[in-house]
Amino acid sequence: MEVIDATSAECPEPFMKTVAKLMGMKEGVVKVIFKDPKCVDMIAEAVKLMECKIIENTNKDGIYTMVIEKPSTSKEVKDVKVGGC
């Protein structure tokens, strides 16, 4: 499992890193760790559009962790348009 540690980044950077990673993967699992709560819905919306699956979504002491699975059957999305920060 690849890990994106974006705890020092502000929105939209955790979102952008997550989407870029998912778009570059054929399939697999990625774990994203971040602090900015504004990115939770943005990442979740992009995951849904790409037909990926959130298998873990936690918030512990202001640290958000999302584990996202990209199946080989997921959509390749050229332009992801979601709400902003």
PDB file of N, CA and C in Angstrom:
ATOM      1  N   MET A   1       0.850  -1.180   0.000  1.00  0.00           N
ATOM      2  CA  MET A   1       0.000   0.000   0.000  1.00  0.00           C
ATOM      3  C   MET A   1       0.891   1.237   0.000  1.00  0.00           C
ATOM      4  N   GLU A   2       0.601   2.125  -0.924  1.00  0.00           N
ATOM      5  CA  GLU A   2       1.321   3.390  -0.976  1.00  0.00           C
ATOM      6  C   GLU A   2       0.701   4.356   0.021  1.00  0.00           C
ATOM      7  N   VAL A   3       1.523   5.237   0.583  1.00  0.00           N
ATOM      8  CA  VAL A   3       1.049   6.202   1.575  1.00  0.00           C
ATOM      9  C   VAL A   3       1.373   7.614   1.094  1.00  0.00           C
ATOM     10  N   ILE A   4       0.362   8.475   1.155  1.00  0.00           N
ATOM     11  CA  ILE A   4       0.551   9.901   0.888  1.00  0.00           C
ATOM     12  C   ILE A   4       0.407  10.611   2.227  1.00  0.00           C
ATOM     13  N   ASP A   5       1.509  11.154   2.732  1.00  0.00           N
ATOM     14  CA  ASP A   5       1.467  11.905   3.987  1.00  0.00           C
ATOM     15  C   ASP A   5       1.383  13.387   3.642  1.00  0.00           C
ATOM     16  N   ALA A   6       0.175  13.920   3.733  1.00  0.00           N
ATOM     17  CA  ALA A   6      -0.055  15.330   3.414  1.00  0.00           C
ATOM     18  C   ALA A   6      -0.442  16.105   4.670  1.00  0.00           C
ATOM     19  N   THR A   7       0.071  15.676   5.816  1.00  0.00           N
ATOM     20  CA  THR A   7      -0.301  16.320   7.078  1.00  0.00           C
ATOM     21  C   THR A   7       0.202  17.756   7.177  1.00  0.00           C
ATOM     22  N   SER A   8       1.228  18.093   6.428  1.00  0.00           N
ATOM     23  CA  SER A   8       1.739  19.468   6.491  1.00  0.00           C
ATOM     24  C   SER A   8       1.148  20.349   5.388  1.00  0.00           C
ATOM     25  N   ALA A   9       0.273  19.786   4.569  1.00  0.00           N
ATOM     26  CA  ALA A   9      -0.287  20.525   3.433  1.00  0.00           C
ATOM     27  C   ALA A   9      -1.695  21.027   3.729  1.00  0.00           C
ATOM     28  N   GLU A  10      -2.035  22.150   3.109  1.00  0.00           N
ATOM     29  CA  GLU A  10      -3.387  22.703   3.215  1.00  0.00           C
ATOM     30  C   GLU A  10      -4.159  22.379   1.945  1.00  0.00           C
ATOM     31  N   CYS A  11      -5.473  22.444   2.047  1.00  0.00           N
ATOM     32  CA  CYS A  11      -6.354  22.223   0.914  1.00  0.00           C
ATOM     33  C   CYS A  11      -6.017  23.239  -0.179  1.00  0.00           C
ATOM     34  N   PRO A  12      -5.927  22.825  -1.407  1.00  0.00           N
ATOM     35  CA  PRO A  12      -6.362  21.570  -2.015  1.00  0.00           C
ATOM     36  C   PRO A  12      -5.249  20.546  -2.238  1.00  0.00           C
ATOM     37  N   GLU A  13      -4.058  20.772  -1.679  1.00  0.00           N
ATOM     38  CA  GLU A  13      -2.933  19.884  -1.975  1.00  0.00           C
ATOM     39  C   GLU A  13      -3.188  18.411  -1.649  1.00  0.00           C
ATOM     40  N   PRO A  14      -3.749  18.044  -0.473  1.00  0.00           N
ATOM     41  CA  PRO A  14      -4.010  16.615  -0.230  1.00  0.00           C
ATOM     42  C   PRO A  14      -4.954  16.016  -1.277  1.00  0.00           C
ATOM     43  N   PHE A  15      -5.962  16.788  -1.662  1.00  0.00           N
ATOM     44  CA  PHE A  15      -6.900  16.351  -2.702  1.00  0.00           C
ATOM     45  C   PHE A  15      -6.174  16.137  -4.026  1.00  0.00           C
ATOM     46  N   MET A  16      -5.367  17.105  -4.428  1.00  0.00           N
ATOM     47  CA  MET A  16      -4.675  17.022  -5.714  1.00  0.00           C
ATOM     48  C   MET A  16      -3.701  15.853  -5.747  1.00  0.00           C
ATOM     49  N   LYS A  17      -2.973  15.638  -4.658  1.00  0.00           N
ATOM     50  CA  LYS A  17      -2.036  14.510  -4.597  1.00  0.00           C
ATOM     51  C   LYS A  17      -2.778  13.178  -4.676  1.00  0.00           C
ATOM     52  N   THR A  18      -3.920  13.100  -4.011  1.00  0.00           N
ATOM     53  CA  THR A  18      -4.704  11.867  -4.013  1.00  0.00           C
ATOM     54  C   THR A  18      -5.237  11.561  -5.404  1.00  0.00           C
ATOM     55  N   VAL A  19      -5.830  12.546  -6.044  1.00  0.00           N
ATOM     56  CA  VAL A  19      -6.384  12.345  -7.387  1.00  0.00           C
ATOM     57  C   VAL A  19      -5.274  11.993  -8.380  1.00  0.00           C
ATOM     58  N   ALA A  20      -4.143  12.679  -8.290  1.00  0.00           N
ATOM     59  CA  ALA A  20      -3.026  12.382  -9.193  1.00  0.00           C
ATOM     60  C   ALA A  20      -2.547  10.946  -9.008  1.00  0.00           C
ATOM     61  N   LYS A  21      -2.446  10.509  -7.769  1.00  0.00           N
ATOM     62  CA  LYS A  21      -2.003   9.142  -7.490  1.00  0.00           C
ATOM     63  C   LYS A  21      -2.997   8.136  -8.046  1.00  0.00           C
ATOM     64  N   LEU A  22      -4.294   8.351  -7.783  1.00  0.00           N
ATOM     65  CA  LEU A  22      -5.314   7.422  -8.271  1.00  0.00           C
ATOM     66  C   LEU A  22      -5.343   7.380  -9.799  1.00  0.00           C
ATOM     67  N   MET A  23      -5.190   8.516 -10.434  1.00  0.00           N
ATOM     68  CA  MET A  23      -5.207   8.552 -11.896  1.00  0.00           C
ATOM     69  C   MET A  23      -3.995   7.836 -12.487  1.00  0.00           C
ATOM     70  N   GLY A  24      -2.898   7.829 -11.764  1.00  0.00           N
ATOM     71  CA  GLY A  24      -1.681   7.177 -12.243  1.00  0.00           C
ATOM     72  C   GLY A  24      -1.617   5.689 -11.959  1.00  0.00           C
ATOM     73  N   MET A  25      -2.549   5.190 -11.181  1.00  0.00           N
ATOM     74  CA  MET A  25      -2.573   3.767 -10.815  1.00  0.00           C
ATOM     75  C   MET A  25      -3.523   3.001 -11.731  1.00  0.00           C
ATOM     76  N   LYS A  26      -3.156   1.773 -12.087  1.00  0.00           N
ATOM     77  CA  LYS A  26      -4.098   0.910 -12.804  1.00  0.00           C
ATOM     78  C   LYS A  26      -5.066   0.288 -11.810  1.00  0.00           C
ATOM     79  N   GLU A  27      -4.528  -0.138 -10.682  1.00  0.00           N
ATOM     80  CA  GLU A  27      -5.323  -0.673  -9.582  1.00  0.00           C
ATOM     81  C   GLU A  27      -4.441  -0.687  -8.344  1.00  0.00           C
ATOM     82  N   GLY A  28      -5.059  -0.849  -7.180  1.00  0.00           N
ATOM     83  CA  GLY A  28      -4.290  -0.912  -5.950  1.00  0.00           C
ATOM     84  C   GLY A  28      -4.941  -0.137  -4.822  1.00  0.00           C
ATOM     85  N   VAL A  29      -4.169   0.032  -3.754  1.00  0.00           N
ATOM     86  CA  VAL A  29      -4.667   0.692  -2.548  1.00  0.00           C
ATOM     87  C   VAL A  29      -3.704   1.815  -2.177  1.00  0.00           C
ATOM     88  N   VAL A  30      -4.268   2.950  -1.803  1.00  0.00           N
ATOM     89  CA  VAL A  30      -3.465   4.084  -1.357  1.00  0.00           C
ATOM     90  C   VAL A  30      -4.042   4.602  -0.037  1.00  0.00           C
ATOM     91  N   LYS A  31      -3.149   4.973   0.863  1.00  0.00           N
ATOM     92  CA  LYS A  31      -3.539   5.539   2.165  1.00  0.00           C
ATOM     93  C   LYS A  31      -3.145   7.011   2.160  1.00  0.00           C
ATOM     94  N   VAL A  32      -4.108   7.879   2.467  1.00  0.00           N
ATOM     95  CA  VAL A  32      -3.874   9.320   2.478  1.00  0.00           C
ATOM     96  C   VAL A  32      -4.059   9.827   3.906  1.00  0.00           C
ATOM     97  N   ILE A  33      -3.079  10.562   4.393  1.00  0.00           N
ATOM     98  CA  ILE A  33      -3.126  11.114   5.748  1.00  0.00           C
ATOM     99  C   ILE A  33      -3.025  12.635   5.619  1.00  0.00           C
ATOM    100  N   PHE A  34      -3.989  13.352   6.213  1.00  0.00           N
ATOM    101  CA  PHE A  34      -4.011  14.809   6.082  1.00  0.00           C
ATOM    102  C   PHE A  34      -4.728  15.434   7.275  1.00  0.00           C
ATOM    103  N   LYS A  35      -4.587  16.753   7.434  1.00  0.00           N
ATOM    104  CA  LYS A  35      -5.196  17.471   8.560  1.00  0.00           C
ATOM    105  C   LYS A  35      -6.338  18.395   8.156  1.00  0.00           C
ATOM    106  N   ASP A  36      -6.380  18.819   6.915  1.00  0.00           N
ATOM    107  CA  ASP A  36      -7.354  19.829   6.498  1.00  0.00           C
ATOM    108  C   ASP A  36      -8.725  19.197   6.262  1.00  0.00           C
ATOM    109  N   PRO A  37      -9.708  19.489   7.120  1.00  0.00           N
ATOM    110  CA  PRO A  37     -11.026  18.849   7.007  1.00  0.00           C
ATOM    111  C   PRO A  37     -11.771  19.190   5.718  1.00  0.00           C
ATOM    112  N   LYS A  38     -11.386  20.289   5.067  1.00  0.00           N
ATOM    113  CA  LYS A  38     -12.053  20.666   3.822  1.00  0.00           C
ATOM    114  C   LYS A  38     -11.817  19.641   2.720  1.00  0.00           C
ATOM    115  N   CYS A  39     -10.764  18.861   2.839  1.00  0.00           N
ATOM    116  CA  CYS A  39     -10.428  17.892   1.790  1.00  0.00           C
ATOM    117  C   CYS A  39     -11.224  16.593   1.899  1.00  0.00           C
ATOM    118  N   VAL A  40     -11.849  16.332   3.026  1.00  0.00           N
ATOM    119  CA  VAL A  40     -12.567  15.066   3.213  1.00  0.00           C
ATOM    120  C   VAL A  40     -13.627  14.877   2.135  1.00  0.00           C
ATOM    121  N   ASP A  41     -14.531  15.831   2.001  1.00  0.00           N
ATOM    122  CA  ASP A  41     -15.610  15.711   1.015  1.00  0.00           C
ATOM    123  C   ASP A  41     -15.086  15.761  -0.413  1.00  0.00           C
ATOM    124  N   MET A  42     -14.072  16.567  -0.645  1.00  0.00           N
ATOM    125  CA  MET A  42     -13.510  16.669  -1.994  1.00  0.00           C
ATOM    126  C   MET A  42     -12.915  15.337  -2.439  1.00  0.00           C
ATOM    127  N   ILE A  43     -12.149  14.708  -1.556  1.00  0.00           N
ATOM    128  CA  ILE A  43     -11.543  13.417  -1.888  1.00  0.00           C
ATOM    129  C   ILE A  43     -12.629  12.363  -2.058  1.00  0.00           C
ATOM    130  N   ALA A  44     -13.607  12.346  -1.158  1.00  0.00           N
ATOM    131  CA  ALA A  44     -14.691  11.358  -1.242  1.00  0.00           C
ATOM    132  C   ALA A  44     -15.462  11.492  -2.552  1.00  0.00           C
ATOM    133  N   GLU A  45     -15.706  12.721  -2.981  1.00  0.00           N
ATOM    134  CA  GLU A  45     -16.436  12.947  -4.229  1.00  0.00           C
ATOM    135  C   GLU A  45     -15.627  12.470  -5.436  1.00  0.00           C
ATOM    136  N   ALA A  46     -14.329  12.750  -5.442  1.00  0.00           N
ATOM    137  CA  ALA A  46     -13.467  12.302  -6.541  1.00  0.00           C
ATOM    138  C   ALA A  46     -13.384  10.782  -6.582  1.00  0.00           C
ATOM    139  N   VAL A  47     -13.293  10.161  -5.410  1.00  0.00           N
ATOM    140  CA  VAL A  47     -13.242   8.699  -5.328  1.00  0.00           C
ATOM    141  C   VAL A  47     -14.505   8.098  -5.941  1.00  0.00           C
ATOM    142  N   LYS A  48     -15.634   8.697  -5.638  1.00  0.00           N
ATOM    143  CA  LYS A  48     -16.911   8.218  -6.183  1.00  0.00           C
ATOM    144  C   LYS A  48     -16.938   8.366  -7.704  1.00  0.00           C
ATOM    145  N   LEU A  49     -16.513   9.516  -8.212  1.00  0.00           N
ATOM    146  CA  LEU A  49     -16.493   9.754  -9.655  1.00  0.00           C
ATOM    147  C   LEU A  49     -15.585   8.769 -10.389  1.00  0.00           C
ATOM    148  N   MET A  50     -14.501   8.372  -9.739  1.00  0.00           N
ATOM    149  CA  MET A  50     -13.545   7.457 -10.354  1.00  0.00           C
ATOM    150  C   MET A  50     -13.919   5.993 -10.126  1.00  0.00           C
ATOM    151  N   GLU A  51     -15.042   5.775  -9.468  1.00  0.00           N
ATOM    152  CA  GLU A  51     -15.530   4.431  -9.144  1.00  0.00           C
ATOM    153  C   GLU A  51     -14.519   3.625  -8.334  1.00  0.00           C
ATOM    154  N   CYS A  52     -13.857   4.325  -7.420  1.00  0.00           N
ATOM    155  CA  CYS A  52     -12.974   3.681  -6.460  1.00  0.00           C
ATOM    156  C   CYS A  52     -13.777   3.477  -5.177  1.00  0.00           C
ATOM    157  N   LYS A  53     -13.150   2.940  -4.147  1.00  0.00           N
ATOM    158  CA  LYS A  53     -13.871   2.631  -2.912  1.00  0.00           C
ATOM    159  C   LYS A  53     -13.053   3.078  -1.704  1.00  0.00           C
ATOM    160  N   ILE A  54     -13.707   3.793  -0.792  1.00  0.00           N
ATOM    161  CA  ILE A  54     -13.060   4.158   0.472  1.00  0.00           C
ATOM    162  C   ILE A  54     -13.253   2.982   1.421  1.00  0.00           C
ATOM    163  N   ILE A  55     -12.143   2.369   1.833  1.00  0.00           N
ATOM    164  CA  ILE A  55     -12.251   1.220   2.733  1.00  0.00           C
ATOM    165  C   ILE A  55     -11.946   1.593   4.184  1.00  0.00           C
ATOM    166  N   GLU A  56     -11.417   2.789   4.386  1.00  0.00           N
ATOM    167  CA  GLU A  56     -11.232   3.316   5.747  1.00  0.00           C
ATOM    168  C   GLU A  56     -11.326   4.829   5.670  1.00  0.00           C
ATOM    169  N   ASN A  57     -12.020   5.421   6.628  1.00  0.00           N
ATOM    170  CA  ASN A  57     -12.151   6.877   6.691  1.00  0.00           C
ATOM    171  C   ASN A  57     -12.256   7.249   8.162  1.00  0.00           C
ATOM    172  N   THR A  58     -11.151   7.700   8.746  1.00  0.00           N
ATOM    173  CA  THR A  58     -11.135   7.994  10.176  1.00  0.00           C
ATOM    174  C   THR A  58     -10.601   9.401  10.442  1.00  0.00           C
ATOM    175  N   ASN A  59     -10.955   9.910  11.609  1.00  0.00           N
ATOM    176  CA  ASN A  59     -10.453  11.188  12.104  1.00  0.00           C
ATOM    177  C   ASN A  59     -10.065  10.956  13.553  1.00  0.00           C
ATOM    178  N   LYS A  60      -8.776  10.984  13.816  1.00  0.00           N
ATOM    179  CA  LYS A  60      -8.298  10.805  15.185  1.00  0.00           C
ATOM    180  C   LYS A  60      -7.474  12.030  15.561  1.00  0.00           C
ATOM    181  N   ASP A  61      -8.007  12.800  16.496  1.00  0.00           N
ATOM    182  CA  ASP A  61      -7.322  13.998  16.994  1.00  0.00           C
ATOM    183  C   ASP A  61      -6.957  14.966  15.866  1.00  0.00           C
ATOM    184  N   GLY A  62      -7.862  15.121  14.894  1.00  0.00           N
ATOM    185  CA  GLY A  62      -7.634  16.065  13.812  1.00  0.00           C
ATOM    186  C   GLY A  62      -6.762  15.554  12.679  1.00  0.00           C
ATOM    187  N   ILE A  63      -6.387  14.285  12.735  1.00  0.00           N
ATOM    188  CA  ILE A  63      -5.624  13.668  11.648  1.00  0.00           C
ATOM    189  C   ILE A  63      -6.578  12.742  10.899  1.00  0.00           C
ATOM    190  N   TYR A  64      -6.824  13.068   9.641  1.00  0.00           N
ATOM    191  CA  TYR A  64      -7.730  12.272   8.812  1.00  0.00           C
ATOM    192  C   TYR A  64      -6.927  11.215   8.066  1.00  0.00           C
ATOM    193  N   THR A  65      -7.471  10.014   8.027  1.00  0.00           N
ATOM    194  CA  THR A  65      -6.855   8.921   7.284  1.00  0.00           C
ATOM    195  C   THR A  65      -7.906   8.302   6.386  1.00  0.00           C
ATOM    196  N   MET A  66      -7.596   8.231   5.104  1.00  0.00           N
ATOM    197  CA  MET A  66      -8.478   7.569   4.149  1.00  0.00           C
ATOM    198  C   MET A  66      -7.662   6.498   3.435  1.00  0.00           C
ATOM    199  N   VAL A  67      -8.211   5.293   3.403  1.00  0.00           N
ATOM    200  CA  VAL A  67      -7.615   4.218   2.626  1.00  0.00           C
ATOM    201  C   VAL A  67      -8.555   3.981   1.455  1.00  0.00           C
ATOM    202  N   ILE A  68      -8.007   4.103   0.266  1.00  0.00           N
ATOM    203  CA  ILE A  68      -8.812   4.062  -0.955  1.00  0.00           C
ATOM    204  C   ILE A  68      -8.334   2.916  -1.836  1.00  0.00           C
ATOM    205  N   GLU A  69      -9.295   2.146  -2.321  1.00  0.00           N
ATOM    206  CA  GLU A  69      -8.987   1.036  -3.220  1.00  0.00           C
ATOM    207  C   GLU A  69      -9.419   1.403  -4.633  1.00  0.00           C
ATOM    208  N   LYS A  70      -8.518   1.216  -5.567  1.00  0.00           N
ATOM    209  CA  LYS A  70      -8.853   1.420  -6.977  1.00  0.00           C
ATOM    210  C   LYS A  70      -8.866   0.053  -7.656  1.00  0.00           C
ATOM    211  N   PRO A  71     -10.061  -0.416  -8.028  1.00  0.00           N
ATOM    212  CA  PRO A  71     -10.133  -1.698  -8.731  1.00  0.00           C
ATOM    213  C   PRO A  71      -9.720  -1.528 -10.195  1.00  0.00           C
ATOM    214  N   SER A  72      -9.375  -2.613 -10.836  1.00  0.00           N
ATOM    215  CA  SER A  72      -8.958  -2.543 -12.241  1.00  0.00           C
ATOM    216  C   SER A  72     -10.098  -2.098 -13.146  1.00  0.00           C
ATOM    217  N   THR A  73     -11.324  -2.154 -12.654  1.00  0.00           N
ATOM    218  CA  THR A  73     -12.494  -1.785 -13.455  1.00  0.00           C
ATOM    219  C   THR A  73     -12.914  -0.334 -13.266  1.00  0.00           C
ATOM    220  N   SER A  74     -12.169   0.446 -12.488  1.00  0.00           N
ATOM    221  CA  SER A  74     -12.583   1.827 -12.211  1.00  0.00           C
ATOM    222  C   SER A  74     -12.439   2.699 -13.451  1.00  0.00           C
ATOM    223  N   LYS A  75     -13.178   3.804 -13.436  1.00  0.00           N
ATOM    224  CA  LYS A  75     -13.169   4.754 -14.554  1.00  0.00           C
ATOM    225  C   LYS A  75     -11.886   5.561 -14.566  1.00  0.00           C
ATOM    226  N   GLU A  76     -11.456   5.897 -15.777  1.00  0.00           N
ATOM    227  CA  GLU A  76     -10.377   6.870 -15.911  1.00  0.00           C
ATOM    228  C   GLU A  76     -11.044   8.205 -16.193  1.00  0.00           C
ATOM    229  N   VAL A  77     -10.896   9.130 -15.287  1.00  0.00           N
ATOM    230  CA  VAL A  77     -11.562  10.426 -15.402  1.00  0.00           C
ATOM    231  C   VAL A  77     -10.524  11.456 -15.819  1.00  0.00           C
ATOM    232  N   LYS A  78     -10.799  12.149 -16.908  1.00  0.00           N
ATOM    233  CA  LYS A  78      -9.851  13.152 -17.416  1.00  0.00           C
ATOM    234  C   LYS A  78      -9.930  14.451 -16.615  1.00  0.00           C
ATOM    235  N   ASP A  79     -11.133  14.946 -16.375  1.00  0.00           N
ATOM    236  CA  ASP A  79     -11.336  16.186 -15.625  1.00  0.00           C
ATOM    237  C   ASP A  79     -12.192  15.892 -14.410  1.00  0.00           C
ATOM    238  N   VAL A  80     -11.617  16.064 -13.237  1.00  0.00           N
ATOM    239  CA  VAL A  80     -12.370  15.868 -12.004  1.00  0.00           C
ATOM    240  C   VAL A  80     -12.762  17.243 -11.498  1.00  0.00           C
ATOM    241  N   LYS A  81     -14.070  17.506 -11.435  1.00  0.00           N
ATOM    242  CA  LYS A  81     -14.556  18.800 -10.963  1.00  0.00           C
ATOM    243  C   LYS A  81     -15.380  18.575  -9.708  1.00  0.00           C
ATOM    244  N   VAL A  82     -14.859  19.047  -8.603  1.00  0.00           N
ATOM    245  CA  VAL A  82     -15.542  18.898  -7.318  1.00  0.00           C
ATOM    246  C   VAL A  82     -15.525  20.238  -6.602  1.00  0.00           C
ATOM    247  N   GLY A  83     -16.218  20.298  -5.478  1.00  0.00           N
ATOM    248  CA  GLY A  83     -16.257  21.522  -4.685  1.00  0.00           C
ATOM    249  C   GLY A  83     -14.871  21.963  -4.267  1.00  0.00           C
ATOM    250  N   GLY A  84     -14.724  23.223  -3.961  1.00  0.00           N
ATOM    251  CA  GLY A  84     -13.416  23.762  -3.618  1.00  0.00           C
ATOM    252  C   GLY A  84     -13.229  23.989  -2.134  1.00  0.00           C
ATOM    253  N   CYS A  85     -12.054  24.476  -1.801  1.00  0.00           N
ATOM    254  CA  CYS A  85     -11.699  24.742  -0.409  1.00  0.00           C
ATOM    255  C   CYS A  85     -12.319  26.039   0.057  1.00  0.00           C
TER     256      CYS A  85
END
